[in-house]
Amino acid sequence: MSDKKLKVADIPILKQQKEYIPKGFVDLGLAWYSEDHVVVSRAKENKQCHEGPVPTMYTSLFMTNIITEKQTQIAFPKKEPVEIFG
C-alpha cells in the first residue's frame, strides 16, 4: 500500500453552532415547529444521579426561535407526578 493519507475536512458549520440551553438545565427532546422554531422539553440538571433508577424529571416545554434566540416557556410542570394510565 502507498499514498494512504488521512485528511480532515474543515467543516464551516461547526464554527456556527449555537447553544440555546441555559446553564443548569438539560434538553430531553425536541420537535421542529416551523423553519425557525423548535419546541424543546427541558428540565433542571440532576448531577446527583449517577446510577440506579432515573429520578422523576419535571419538564417544561419551551418554544425557541433559532434566528432571534428568544425562548418562551409554553408549558409548566406540576409539583407532583401525574398518573396518566391510572
N, C-alpha and C. Protein backbone atom coordinates (compact mmCIF):
# COMPACT_ATOMS: atom_id res chain seq x y z
N MET A 1 0.84 -1.18 0.00
CA MET A 1 0.00 0.00 0.00
C MET A 1 0.88 1.23 0.00
N SER A 2 0.40 2.25 -0.69
CA SER A 2 1.11 3.53 -0.69
C SER A 2 0.12 4.67 -0.88
N ASP A 3 0.60 5.86 -0.58
CA ASP A 3 -0.21 7.08 -0.72
C ASP A 3 -1.51 7.05 0.08
N LYS A 4 -1.48 6.45 1.23
CA LYS A 4 -2.65 6.44 2.11
C LYS A 4 -2.47 7.58 3.10
N LYS A 5 -3.31 8.60 2.99
CA LYS A 5 -3.19 9.78 3.85
C LYS A 5 -4.54 10.09 4.49
N LEU A 6 -4.49 10.39 5.76
CA LEU A 6 -5.69 10.81 6.48
C LEU A 6 -5.84 12.31 6.30
N LYS A 7 -7.02 12.74 5.86
CA LYS A 7 -7.30 14.16 5.70
C LYS A 7 -8.55 14.50 6.47
N VAL A 8 -8.52 15.63 7.13
CA VAL A 8 -9.68 16.11 7.87
C VAL A 8 -10.20 17.35 7.16
N ALA A 9 -11.46 17.31 6.79
CA ALA A 9 -12.07 18.44 6.09
C ALA A 9 -12.44 19.53 7.09
N ASP A 10 -12.26 20.76 6.70
CA ASP A 10 -12.70 21.87 7.51
C ASP A 10 -14.20 22.05 7.27
N ILE A 11 -14.99 21.92 8.32
CA ILE A 11 -16.44 22.00 8.20
C ILE A 11 -16.89 23.33 8.79
N PRO A 12 -17.20 24.32 7.94
CA PRO A 12 -17.54 25.65 8.41
C PRO A 12 -18.74 25.70 9.35
N ILE A 13 -19.71 24.82 9.19
CA ILE A 13 -20.90 24.86 10.03
C ILE A 13 -20.57 24.62 11.50
N LEU A 14 -19.51 23.89 11.79
CA LEU A 14 -19.13 23.64 13.18
C LEU A 14 -18.78 24.93 13.92
N LYS A 15 -18.28 25.91 13.21
CA LYS A 15 -17.93 27.19 13.82
C LYS A 15 -19.17 28.05 14.08
N GLN A 16 -20.30 27.68 13.49
CA GLN A 16 -21.52 28.46 13.62
C GLN A 16 -22.51 27.87 14.64
N GLN A 17 -22.15 26.79 15.29
CA GLN A 17 -23.07 26.14 16.22
C GLN A 17 -23.36 27.05 17.40
N LYS A 18 -24.61 27.02 17.85
CA LYS A 18 -25.04 27.81 19.00
C LYS A 18 -25.67 26.89 20.02
N GLU A 19 -25.52 27.25 21.28
CA GLU A 19 -26.18 26.53 22.35
C GLU A 19 -27.31 27.40 22.86
N TYR A 20 -28.49 26.82 22.94
CA TYR A 20 -29.66 27.57 23.36
C TYR A 20 -30.09 27.22 24.78
N ILE A 21 -29.48 26.21 25.36
CA ILE A 21 -29.90 25.74 26.68
C ILE A 21 -29.21 26.53 27.79
N PRO A 22 -29.97 27.00 28.77
CA PRO A 22 -29.35 27.73 29.89
C PRO A 22 -28.52 26.80 30.77
N LYS A 23 -27.54 27.36 31.42
CA LYS A 23 -26.68 26.60 32.34
C LYS A 23 -27.54 26.02 33.47
N GLY A 24 -27.30 24.76 33.80
CA GLY A 24 -28.04 24.10 34.88
C GLY A 24 -29.27 23.36 34.43
N PHE A 25 -29.50 23.30 33.11
CA PHE A 25 -30.66 22.60 32.57
C PHE A 25 -30.22 21.58 31.53
N VAL A 26 -31.12 20.64 31.23
CA VAL A 26 -30.88 19.65 30.17
C VAL A 26 -32.09 19.65 29.25
N ASP A 27 -31.84 19.51 27.96
CA ASP A 27 -32.91 19.34 27.00
C ASP A 27 -33.06 17.86 26.73
N LEU A 28 -34.29 17.35 26.89
CA LEU A 28 -34.54 15.92 26.79
C LEU A 28 -35.04 15.50 25.43
N GLY A 29 -35.58 16.42 24.69
CA GLY A 29 -36.10 16.09 23.37
C GLY A 29 -36.49 17.36 22.65
N LEU A 30 -36.67 17.24 21.34
CA LEU A 30 -37.08 18.42 20.57
C LEU A 30 -37.95 18.01 19.41
N ALA A 31 -38.70 18.97 18.92
CA ALA A 31 -39.53 18.78 17.72
C ALA A 31 -39.53 20.10 16.96
N TRP A 32 -39.33 20.01 15.66
CA TRP A 32 -39.38 21.21 14.83
C TRP A 32 -40.83 21.65 14.73
N TYR A 33 -41.09 22.93 14.99
CA TYR A 33 -42.42 23.51 14.88
C TYR A 33 -42.58 24.21 13.53
N SER A 34 -41.53 24.89 13.12
CA SER A 34 -41.50 25.57 11.82
C SER A 34 -40.05 25.69 11.40
N GLU A 35 -39.81 26.38 10.32
CA GLU A 35 -38.44 26.53 9.82
C GLU A 35 -37.53 27.25 10.83
N ASP A 36 -38.10 28.16 11.62
CA ASP A 36 -37.31 28.96 12.57
C ASP A 36 -37.55 28.62 14.03
N HIS A 37 -38.50 27.72 14.32
CA HIS A 37 -38.87 27.44 15.70
C HIS A 37 -38.75 25.96 16.04
N VAL A 38 -38.25 25.71 17.25
CA VAL A 38 -38.11 24.36 17.78
C VAL A 38 -38.78 24.34 19.14
N VAL A 39 -39.52 23.28 19.45
CA VAL A 39 -40.07 23.08 20.79
C VAL A 39 -39.18 22.07 21.49
N VAL A 40 -38.68 22.45 22.68
CA VAL A 40 -37.80 21.56 23.44
C VAL A 40 -38.43 21.23 24.79
N SER A 41 -38.17 20.02 25.24
CA SER A 41 -38.57 19.58 26.57
C SER A 41 -37.35 19.76 27.46
N ARG A 42 -37.49 20.57 28.50
CA ARG A 42 -36.34 20.97 29.32
C ARG A 42 -36.60 20.70 30.80
N ALA A 43 -35.56 20.26 31.51
CA ALA A 43 -35.66 20.02 32.95
C ALA A 43 -34.39 20.52 33.62
N LYS A 44 -34.47 20.67 34.94
CA LYS A 44 -33.28 21.05 35.70
C LYS A 44 -32.30 19.88 35.70
N GLU A 45 -31.03 20.21 35.60
CA GLU A 45 -29.97 19.20 35.61
C GLU A 45 -29.92 18.53 36.97
N ASN A 46 -29.65 17.21 36.99
CA ASN A 46 -29.53 16.47 38.24
C ASN A 46 -28.19 15.76 38.25
N LYS A 47 -27.19 16.37 38.87
CA LYS A 47 -25.84 15.80 38.89
C LYS A 47 -25.66 14.76 39.98
N GLN A 48 -26.64 14.61 40.88
CA GLN A 48 -26.52 13.63 41.96
C GLN A 48 -26.84 12.22 41.49
N CYS A 49 -27.55 12.06 40.40
CA CYS A 49 -27.95 10.75 39.91
C CYS A 49 -26.83 10.16 39.05
N HIS A 50 -26.14 9.14 39.57
CA HIS A 50 -25.04 8.52 38.83
C HIS A 50 -25.40 7.12 38.34
N GLU A 51 -26.19 6.39 39.13
CA GLU A 51 -26.62 5.06 38.72
C GLU A 51 -27.92 4.74 39.43
N GLY A 52 -28.56 3.69 38.96
CA GLY A 52 -29.84 3.32 39.53
C GLY A 52 -30.97 3.94 38.74
N PRO A 53 -32.18 3.89 39.27
CA PRO A 53 -33.33 4.43 38.54
C PRO A 53 -33.22 5.94 38.36
N VAL A 54 -33.66 6.40 37.23
CA VAL A 54 -33.62 7.83 36.95
C VAL A 54 -34.73 8.50 37.76
N PRO A 55 -34.40 9.57 38.48
CA PRO A 55 -35.43 10.26 39.28
C PRO A 55 -36.45 10.95 38.37
N THR A 56 -37.61 11.25 38.93
CA THR A 56 -38.64 11.96 38.18
C THR A 56 -38.09 13.32 37.77
N MET A 57 -38.26 13.64 36.50
CA MET A 57 -37.81 14.93 36.00
C MET A 57 -39.05 15.74 35.65
N TYR A 58 -39.15 16.91 36.22
CA TYR A 58 -40.28 17.79 35.96
C TYR A 58 -39.91 18.68 34.78
N THR A 59 -40.46 18.35 33.62
CA THR A 59 -40.07 19.04 32.40
C THR A 59 -41.05 20.15 32.04
N SER A 60 -40.52 21.14 31.36
CA SER A 60 -41.31 22.23 30.79
C SER A 60 -41.05 22.26 29.31
N LEU A 61 -41.99 22.79 28.55
CA LEU A 61 -41.78 22.95 27.12
C LEU A 61 -41.43 24.40 26.82
N PHE A 62 -40.44 24.57 25.95
CA PHE A 62 -40.01 25.91 25.54
C PHE A 62 -40.05 26.00 24.02
N MET A 63 -40.58 27.11 23.53
CA MET A 63 -40.53 27.42 22.10
C MET A 63 -39.29 28.28 21.90
N THR A 64 -38.38 27.81 21.03
CA THR A 64 -37.13 28.50 20.79
C THR A 64 -37.07 28.97 19.34
N ASN A 65 -36.87 30.27 19.17
CA ASN A 65 -36.66 30.83 17.84
C ASN A 65 -35.16 30.76 17.57
N ILE A 66 -34.75 29.95 16.60
CA ILE A 66 -33.32 29.75 16.37
C ILE A 66 -32.67 30.92 15.65
N ILE A 67 -33.47 31.86 15.14
CA ILE A 67 -32.92 33.05 14.49
C ILE A 67 -32.67 34.15 15.53
N THR A 68 -33.70 34.47 16.31
CA THR A 68 -33.57 35.55 17.31
C THR A 68 -33.03 35.05 18.65
N GLU A 69 -33.04 33.71 18.86
CA GLU A 69 -32.62 33.05 20.10
C GLU A 69 -33.58 33.32 21.26
N LYS A 70 -34.76 33.88 20.99
CA LYS A 70 -35.76 34.10 22.04
C LYS A 70 -36.39 32.77 22.41
N GLN A 71 -36.52 32.53 23.73
CA GLN A 71 -37.12 31.31 24.24
C GLN A 71 -38.30 31.67 25.12
N THR A 72 -39.43 31.00 24.89
CA THR A 72 -40.63 31.26 25.65
C THR A 72 -41.14 29.96 26.23
N GLN A 73 -41.37 29.93 27.54
CA GLN A 73 -41.92 28.73 28.16
C GLN A 73 -43.39 28.62 27.77
N ILE A 74 -43.79 27.46 27.25
CA ILE A 74 -45.17 27.28 26.78
C ILE A 74 -45.95 26.22 27.57
N ALA A 75 -45.28 25.48 28.45
CA ALA A 75 -45.95 24.52 29.32
C ALA A 75 -45.21 24.49 30.65
N PHE A 76 -45.96 24.28 31.72
CA PHE A 76 -45.40 24.37 33.06
C PHE A 76 -45.65 23.06 33.80
N PRO A 77 -44.63 22.52 34.50
CA PRO A 77 -44.79 21.24 35.20
C PRO A 77 -45.62 21.38 36.47
N LYS A 78 -46.29 20.29 36.81
CA LYS A 78 -46.99 20.22 38.09
C LYS A 78 -45.96 19.96 39.17
N LYS A 79 -46.33 20.21 40.41
CA LYS A 79 -45.41 19.99 41.53
C LYS A 79 -45.27 18.52 41.90
N GLU A 80 -46.27 17.69 41.56
CA GLU A 80 -46.17 16.27 41.83
C GLU A 80 -46.48 15.50 40.54
N PRO A 81 -45.97 14.27 40.43
CA PRO A 81 -46.21 13.49 39.21
C PRO A 81 -47.70 13.26 38.97
N VAL A 82 -48.09 13.22 37.73
CA VAL A 82 -49.47 12.95 37.35
C VAL A 82 -49.52 11.55 36.76
N GLU A 83 -50.43 10.72 37.31
CA GLU A 83 -50.57 9.35 36.81
C GLU A 83 -51.43 9.38 35.55
N ILE A 84 -50.88 8.94 34.45
CA ILE A 84 -51.57 9.03 33.17
C ILE A 84 -52.45 7.80 32.92
N PHE A 85 -51.95 6.62 33.26
CA PHE A 85 -52.64 5.38 32.93
C PHE A 85 -53.30 4.77 34.15
N GLY A 86 -53.81 5.56 35.07
CA GLY A 86 -54.36 5.04 36.31
C GLY A 86 -55.75 4.77 36.20
